[in-house]
C-alpha atoms as a PDB file:
ATOM      1  CA  MET A   1      33.181 205.429-213.209  1.00  0.00           C
ATOM      2  CA  THR A   2      34.587 203.243-215.959  1.00  0.00           C
ATOM      3  CA  ALA A   3      37.108 204.606-218.368  1.00  0.00           C
ATOM      4  CA  ASN A   4      36.769 202.846-221.721  1.00  0.00           C
ATOM      5  CA  PRO A   5      38.561 204.386-224.694  1.00  0.00           C
ATOM      6  CA  PRO A   6      38.307 202.007-227.681  1.00  0.00           C
ATOM      7  CA  THR A   7      42.034 201.143-227.589  1.00  0.00           C
ATOM      8  CA  LEU A   8      42.017 199.955-223.959  1.00  0.00           C
ATOM      9  CA  PRO A   9      40.217 197.292-221.990  1.00  0.00           C
ATOM     10  CA  PRO A  10      37.645 198.405-219.375  1.00  0.00           C
ATOM     11  CA  PHE A  11      38.972 199.700-216.078  1.00  0.00           C
ATOM     12  CA  LYS A  12      38.259 202.215-213.379  1.00  0.00           C
ATOM     13  CA  LEU A  13      40.367 205.338-213.149  1.00  0.00           C
ATOM     14  CA  ILE A  14      41.073 207.643-210.182  1.00  0.00           C
ATOM     15  CA  LEU A  15      42.816 210.986-210.613  1.00  0.00           C
ATOM     16  CA  GLY A  16      44.696 211.899-207.494  1.00  0.00           C
ATOM     17  CA  SER A  17      44.523 215.629-207.971  1.00  0.00           C
ATOM     18  CA  MET A  18      42.093 218.554-207.814  1.00  0.00           C
ATOM     19  CA  SER A  19      43.916 220.284-210.728  1.00  0.00           C
ATOM     20  CA  VAL A  20      41.432 221.653-213.208  1.00  0.00           C
ATOM     21  CA  ALA A  21      44.041 221.423-215.974  1.00  0.00           C
ATOM     22  CA  ARG A  22      44.715 217.734-215.261  1.00  0.00           C
ATOM     23  CA  ARG A  23      40.982 216.971-215.263  1.00  0.00           C
ATOM     24  CA  HIS A  24      40.554 218.682-218.587  1.00  0.00           C
ATOM     25  CA  ILE A  25      43.508 216.790-220.077  1.00  0.00           C
ATOM     26  CA  LEU A  26      42.083 213.376-219.014  1.00  0.00           C
ATOM     27  CA  GLU A  27      38.667 214.348-220.379  1.00  0.00           C
ATOM     28  CA  GLN A  28      40.303 215.283-223.691  1.00  0.00           C
ATOM     29  CA  MET A  29      41.894 211.840-223.738  1.00  0.00           C
ATOM     30  CA  GLY A  30      38.428 210.302-223.526  1.00  0.00           C
ATOM     31  CA  PHE A  31      38.568 209.014-219.882  1.00  0.00           C
ATOM     32  CA  LEU A  32      35.877 209.025-217.289  1.00  0.00           C
ATOM     33  CA  PHE A  33      37.288 209.112-213.761  1.00  0.00           C
ATOM     34  CA  ASP A  34      36.776 209.795-210.130  1.00  0.00           C
ATOM     35  CA  VAL A  35      38.827 212.380-208.175  1.00  0.00           C
ATOM     36  CA  MET A  36      40.599 211.974-204.859  1.00  0.00           C
ATOM     37  CA  THR A  37      43.072 214.279-203.255  1.00  0.00           C
ATOM     38  CA  ALA A  38      46.268 213.670-201.228  1.00  0.00           C
ATOM     39  CA  ASP A  39      46.580 215.841-198.149  1.00  0.00           C
ATOM     40  CA  ILE A  40      50.381 216.010-197.866  1.00  0.00           C
ATOM     41  CA  ASP A  41      52.815 218.749-196.980  1.00  0.00           C
ATOM     42  CA  GLU A  42      54.693 219.012-200.287  1.00  0.00           C
ATOM     43  CA  LYS A  43      57.163 221.499-198.819  1.00  0.00           C
ATOM     44  CA  SER A  44      58.360 218.900-196.328  1.00  0.00           C
ATOM     45  CA  ILE A  45      59.554 216.674-199.165  1.00  0.00           C
ATOM     46  CA  ARG A  46      62.745 217.988-200.664  1.00  0.00           C
ATOM     47  CA  ARG A  47      65.173 216.879-203.376  1.00  0.00           C
ATOM     48  CA  GLU A  48      67.850 218.958-205.068  1.00  0.00           C
ATOM     49  CA  ASN A  49      67.346 217.113-208.398  1.00  0.00           C
ATOM     50  CA  PRO A  50      64.005 218.241-209.971  1.00  0.00           C
ATOM     51  CA  ASP A  51      63.630 214.829-211.693  1.00  0.00           C
ATOM     52  CA  GLU A  52      63.783 213.139-208.300  1.00  0.00           C
ATOM     53  CA  LEU A  53      61.572 215.769-206.634  1.00  0.00           C
ATOM     54  CA  VAL A  54      58.556 215.469-208.963  1.00  0.00           C
ATOM     55  CA  MET A  55      58.642 211.669-208.860  1.00  0.00           C
ATOM     56  CA  VAL A  56      58.982 211.378-205.051  1.00  0.00           C
ATOM     57  CA  LEU A  57      56.060 213.846-204.732  1.00  0.00           C
ATOM     58  CA  ALA A  58      53.906 211.772-207.103  1.00  0.00           C
ATOM     59  CA  GLU A  59      54.756 208.700-205.029  1.00  0.00           C
ATOM     60  CA  ALA A  60      53.872 210.486-201.742  1.00  0.00           C
ATOM     61  CA  LYS A  61      50.535 211.536-203.127  1.00  0.00           C
ATOM     62  CA  ALA A  62      49.802 207.967-204.153  1.00  0.00           C
ATOM     63  CA  ASP A  63      50.864 206.655-200.749  1.00  0.00           C
ATOM     64  CA  ALA A  64      48.526 209.119-198.965  1.00  0.00           C
ATOM     65  CA  ILE A  65      45.528 208.288-201.100  1.00  0.00           C
ATOM     66  CA  ILE A  66      46.097 204.527-200.839  1.00  0.00           C
ATOM     67  CA  SER A  67      46.500 204.819-197.082  1.00  0.00           C
ATOM     68  CA  ARG A  68      43.131 206.558-196.842  1.00  0.00           C
ATOM     69  CA  MET A  69      41.485 204.058-199.138  1.00  0.00           C
ATOM     70  CA  ASN A  70      42.862 201.243-196.976  1.00  0.00           C
ATOM     71  CA  ALA A  71      41.579 202.866-193.842  1.00  0.00           C
ATOM     72  CA  GLU A  72      38.098 203.113-195.412  1.00  0.00           C
ATOM     73  CA  GLY A  73      38.222 199.493-196.576  1.00  0.00           C
ATOM     74  CA  LEU A  74      38.078 200.438-200.245  1.00  0.00           C
ATOM     75  CA  ILE A  75      41.226 198.658-201.528  1.00  0.00           C
ATOM     76  CA  GLU A  76      40.055 195.229-200.384  1.00  0.00           C
ATOM     77  CA  LYS A  77      36.820 195.672-202.280  1.00  0.00           C
ATOM     78  CA  ILE A  78      38.543 196.193-205.642  1.00  0.00           C
ATOM     79  CA  GLU A  79      37.579 193.446-208.114  1.00  0.00           C
ATOM     80  CA  GLU A  80      38.279 194.953-211.493  1.00  0.00           C
ATOM     81  CA  PRO A  81      41.356 196.763-212.767  1.00  0.00           C
ATOM     82  CA  THR A  82      41.540 200.182-211.010  1.00  0.00           C
ATOM     83  CA  LEU A  83      44.252 202.722-211.710  1.00  0.00           C
ATOM     84  CA  LEU A  84      45.356 205.717-209.672  1.00  0.00           C
ATOM     85  CA  ILE A  85      47.060 208.596-211.416  1.00  0.00           C
ATOM     86  CA  THR A  86      49.257 210.985-209.397  1.00  0.00           C
ATOM     87  CA  SER A  87      51.645 213.560-210.841  1.00  0.00           C
ATOM     88  CA  ASP A  88      53.706 216.578-210.020  1.00  0.00           C
ATOM     89  CA  ILE A  89      55.466 219.312-212.022  1.00  0.00           C
ATOM     90  CA  CYS A  90      58.060 221.924-211.298  1.00  0.00           C
ATOM     91  CA  TYR A  91      59.593 224.718-213.296  1.00  0.00           C
ATOM     92  CA  VAL A  92      63.367 224.982-213.576  1.00  0.00           C
ATOM     93  CA  GLY A  93      64.087 228.563-214.386  1.00  0.00           C
ATOM     94  CA  ILE A  94      67.018 230.907-214.723  1.00  0.00           C
ATOM     95  CA  ASP A  95      66.961 233.840-212.242  1.00  0.00           C
ATOM     96  CA  LEU A  96      69.478 236.253-213.773  1.00  0.00           C
ATOM     97  CA  GLU A  97      69.323 238.675-210.891  1.00  0.00           C
ATOM     98  CA  VAL A  98      70.389 236.123-208.318  1.00  0.00           C
ATOM     99  CA  VAL A  99      72.030 233.113-209.899  1.00  0.00           C
ATOM    100  CA  VAL A 100      73.526 233.024-213.404  1.00  0.00           C
ATOM    101  CA  ASP A 101      73.297 229.760-215.440  1.00  0.00           C
ATOM    102  CA  LYS A 102      72.094 227.703-212.488  1.00  0.00           C
ATOM    103  CA  GLY A 103      68.752 225.959-212.555  1.00  0.00           C
ATOM    104  CA  ILE A 104      66.360 226.920-209.714  1.00  0.00           C
ATOM    105  CA  ILE A 105      63.447 224.672-208.831  1.00  0.00           C
ATOM    106  CA  ARG A 106      60.216 226.582-208.882  1.00  0.00           C
ATOM    107  CA  GLU A 107      57.033 225.237-207.247  1.00  0.00           C
ATOM    108  CA  LYS A 108      53.926 227.074-206.150  1.00  0.00           C
ATOM    109  CA  PRO A 109      54.829 230.660-205.080  1.00  0.00           C
ATOM    110  CA  SER A 110      54.367 231.213-201.375  1.00  0.00           C
ATOM    111  CA  SER A 111      53.951 234.995-201.470  1.00  0.00           C
ATOM    112  CA  LYS A 112      53.051 237.861-203.844  1.00  0.00           C
ATOM    113  CA  GLU A 113      56.729 238.822-204.016  1.00  0.00           C
ATOM    114  CA  GLU A 114      57.796 235.338-204.965  1.00  0.00           C
ATOM    115  CA  ALA A 115      55.050 235.152-207.578  1.00  0.00           C
ATOM    116  CA  ARG A 116      56.145 238.484-208.950  1.00  0.00           C
ATOM    117  CA  GLN A 117      59.729 237.361-209.059  1.00  0.00           C
ATOM    118  CA  PHE A 118      58.797 234.147-210.960  1.00  0.00           C
ATOM    119  CA  LEU A 119      56.670 235.940-213.524  1.00  0.00           C
ATOM    120  CA  LYS A 120      59.170 238.783-214.125  1.00  0.00           C
ATOM    121  CA  GLY A 121      61.799 236.079-214.646  1.00  0.00           C
ATOM    122  CA  TYR A 122      59.784 234.532-217.481  1.00  0.00           C
ATOM    123  CA  SER A 123      59.356 237.848-219.291  1.00  0.00           C
ATOM    124  CA  GLY A 124      61.425 237.859-222.444  1.00  0.00           C
ATOM    125  CA  GLY A 125      63.081 234.566-221.416  1.00  0.00           C
ATOM    126  CA  HIS A 126      62.313 230.918-221.107  1.00  0.00           C
ATOM    127  CA  VAL A 127      61.721 228.260-218.529  1.00  0.00           C
ATOM    128  CA  SER A 128      62.050 224.493-218.511  1.00  0.00           C
ATOM    129  CA  THR A 129      59.504 222.140-216.946  1.00  0.00           C
ATOM    130  CA  VAL A 130      59.788 218.593-215.659  1.00  0.00           C
ATOM    131  CA  GLY A 131      56.631 216.633-214.863  1.00  0.00           C
ATOM    132  CA  SER A 132      56.095 213.206-213.408  1.00  0.00           C
ATOM    133  CA  VAL A 133      53.258 210.787-213.975  1.00  0.00           C
ATOM    134  CA  LEU A 134      52.738 207.810-211.723  1.00  0.00           C
ATOM    135  CA  VAL A 135      50.107 205.168-212.469  1.00  0.00           C
ATOM    136  CA  THR A 136      49.404 202.749-209.640  1.00  0.00           C
ATOM    137  CA  ASN A 137      47.395 199.535-210.321  1.00  0.00           C
ATOM    138  CA  LEU A 138      45.374 199.314-207.062  1.00  0.00           C
ATOM    139  CA  LYS A 139      44.461 195.692-207.769  1.00  0.00           C
ATOM    140  CA  THR A 140      48.041 194.425-208.103  1.00  0.00           C
ATOM    141  CA  GLY A 141      49.890 197.166-206.176  1.00  0.00           C
ATOM    142  CA  ARG A 142      52.319 197.667-209.046  1.00  0.00           C
ATOM    143  CA  ARG A 143      53.437 201.170-210.070  1.00  0.00           C
ATOM    144  CA  PHE A 144      54.547 202.594-213.406  1.00  0.00           C
ATOM    145  CA  GLY A 145      56.056 206.038-213.619  1.00  0.00           C
ATOM    146  CA  GLY A 146      57.919 208.347-215.975  1.00  0.00           C
ATOM    147  CA  LEU A 147      58.998 211.927-216.645  1.00  0.00           C
ATOM    148  CA  ASP A 148      58.261 214.406-219.387  1.00  0.00           C
ATOM    149  CA  LYS A 149      60.141 217.629-220.111  1.00  0.00           C
ATOM    150  CA  ALA A 150      59.392 220.801-222.076  1.00  0.00           C
ATOM    151  CA  GLU A 151      60.601 224.297-222.593  1.00  0.00           C
ATOM    152  CA  VAL A 152      58.581 227.509-222.909  1.00  0.00           C
ATOM    153  CA  TYR A 153      59.826 230.816-224.483  1.00  0.00           C
ATOM    154  CA  PHE A 154      58.106 234.087-223.690  1.00  0.00           C
ATOM    155  CA  HIS A 155      57.717 237.533-225.176  1.00  0.00           C
ATOM    156  CA  ASP A 156      58.100 240.447-222.802  1.00  0.00           C
ATOM    157  CA  ILE A 157      55.250 240.339-220.230  1.00  0.00           C
ATOM    158  CA  PRO A 158      54.015 243.792-219.203  1.00  0.00           C
ATOM    159  CA  ASP A 159      54.051 244.560-215.481  1.00  0.00           C
ATOM    160  CA  GLU A 160      50.341 245.278-215.600  1.00  0.00           C
ATOM    161  CA  ILE A 161      49.640 241.730-216.734  1.00  0.00           C
ATOM    162  CA  ILE A 162      51.821 240.347-213.944  1.00  0.00           C
ATOM    163  CA  GLU A 163      50.007 242.389-211.308  1.00  0.00           C
ATOM    164  CA  ASN A 164      46.609 241.355-212.696  1.00  0.00           C
ATOM    165  CA  LEU A 165      47.628 237.654-212.395  1.00  0.00           C
ATOM    166  CA  ILE A 166      48.847 238.193-208.820  1.00  0.00           C
ATOM    167  CA  ASP A 167      45.620 240.035-207.840  1.00  0.00           C
ATOM    168  CA  GLU A 168      43.505 237.272-209.322  1.00  0.00           C
ATOM    169  CA  GLY A 169      45.319 234.748-207.137  1.00  0.00           C
ATOM    170  CA  VAL A 170      45.435 231.801-209.556  1.00  0.00           C
ATOM    171  CA  VAL A 171      49.284 232.015-209.578  1.00  0.00           C
ATOM    172  CA  PHE A 172      49.408 230.627-206.012  1.00  0.00           C
ATOM    173  CA  ASN A 173      47.782 227.340-207.057  1.00  0.00           C
ATOM    174  CA  VAL A 174      50.206 226.207-209.793  1.00  0.00           C
ATOM    175  CA  ALA A 175      53.845 225.320-209.970  1.00  0.00           C
ATOM    176  CA  GLY A 176      55.924 228.267-211.035  1.00  0.00           C
ATOM    177  CA  GLY A 177      52.921 230.521-210.761  1.00  0.00           C
ATOM    178  CA  LEU A 178      52.201 229.921-214.365  1.00  0.00           C
ATOM    179  CA  LEU A 179      49.212 228.758-216.447  1.00  0.00           C
ATOM    180  CA  LEU A 180      50.042 228.796-220.119  1.00  0.00           C
ATOM    181  CA  GLU A 181      46.353 228.583-221.067  1.00  0.00           C
ATOM    182  CA  HIS A 182      45.423 231.584-218.946  1.00  0.00           C
ATOM    183  CA  PRO A 183      44.038 234.439-221.158  1.00  0.00           C
ATOM    184  CA  TYR A 184      46.453 236.892-219.497  1.00  0.00           C
ATOM    185  CA  ILE A 185      49.510 234.772-220.322  1.00  0.00           C
ATOM    186  CA  SER A 186      48.782 232.922-223.537  1.00  0.00           C
ATOM    187  CA  PRO A 187      49.310 235.994-225.808  1.00  0.00           C
ATOM    188  CA  PHE A 188      52.848 236.270-224.474  1.00  0.00           C
ATOM    189  CA  VAL A 189      53.907 232.638-225.117  1.00  0.00           C
ATOM    190  CA  GLU A 190      56.311 232.729-228.022  1.00  0.00           C
ATOM    191  CA  SER A 191      56.806 229.001-228.430  1.00  0.00           C
ATOM    192  CA  VAL A 192      56.743 225.637-226.587  1.00  0.00           C
ATOM    193  CA  ILE A 193      59.318 222.969-227.275  1.00  0.00           C
ATOM    194  CA  GLY A 194      57.634 219.751-226.247  1.00  0.00           C
ATOM    195  CA  ALA A 195      54.011 219.046-225.389  1.00  0.00           C
ATOM    196  CA  THR A 196      51.827 221.878-224.061  1.00  0.00           C
ATOM    197  CA  ASP A 197      49.850 219.325-221.989  1.00  0.00           C
ATOM    198  CA  SER A 198      53.095 218.399-220.261  1.00  0.00           C
ATOM    199  CA  VAL A 199      53.566 222.028-219.198  1.00  0.00           C
ATOM    200  CA  MET A 200      49.959 222.057-217.941  1.00  0.00           C
ATOM    201  CA  GLY A 201      50.701 219.148-215.602  1.00  0.00           C
ATOM    202  CA  LEU A 202      49.919 215.875-217.327  1.00  0.00           C
ATOM    203  CA  ALA A 203      51.676 214.665-220.482  1.00  0.00           C
ATOM    204  CA  LYS A 204      49.075 212.840-222.592  1.00  0.00           C
ATOM    205  CA  GLY A 205      51.458 210.481-224.408  1.00  0.00           C
ATOM    206  CA  LEU A 206      53.234 209.436-221.268  1.00  0.00           C
ATOM    207  CA  THR A 207      50.010 209.005-219.323  1.00  0.00           C
ATOM    208  CA  HIS A 208      48.465 206.833-222.033  1.00  0.00           C
ATOM    209  CA  ASN A 209      51.576 204.614-222.242  1.00  0.00           C
ATOM    210  CA  LEU A 210      51.719 204.118-218.470  1.00  0.00           C
ATOM    211  CA  ILE A 211      48.025 203.275-218.293  1.00  0.00           C
ATOM    212  CA  ARG A 212      48.484 200.669-221.012  1.00  0.00           C
ATOM    213  CA  GLU A 213      51.502 199.252-219.158  1.00  0.00           C
ATOM    214  CA  ALA A 214      49.687 199.134-215.824  1.00  0.00           C
ATOM    215  CA  LEU A 215      46.735 197.388-217.412  1.00  0.00           C
ATOM    216  CA  SER A 216      48.924 194.719-219.068  1.00  0.00           C
ATOM    217  CA  VAL A 217      49.709 193.176-215.660  1.00  0.00           C
ATOM    218  CA  ASP A 218      46.038 192.251-215.361  1.00  0.00           C
ATOM    219  CA  SER A 219      45.745 190.589-218.749  1.00  0.00           C
END
């Protein structure tokens, strides 16, 4: 497909993610795109610094997709500007029952108990997010990346709501076990400092700037 918002020259776009939220965000931005996934073991890639973690994960996803495209002979066939977007996000929360005033990196919960711990930790409190966006120009091989941060403040979240989210299972597919736009959660979001789309996994402003920068190397 060709993505062609009026402010950008024609190019092809690939989203390296199956995230529904990221697809919706790109669609809202006016892009048409194909979707590819990176089959990597995210848990095997560790960094103590969340800024470093989300960027190295975005890079690993890009590497995996490009490796598969090379194996299938797709990269060598690229003639027009083609961009690959990969990204990652983690929640840096405060767990008052275990560690006071120390950020804890939160990714996708691995169990019901961990999901419950995450969600109870948000209730009546707040969480910070850091998300990476990496745009790779598949024609030139050059990469352009950046980070976007936000904070979310919550009202008290009833235990019944938390258990409904866990039973539904969606919490196991997203970093921090949290979807701000979910109808169970959205009524309990007090405020967001920063961009809501950043918390959802893909910061619009950052993405647009990186796409423009990646395209400039072809002009």
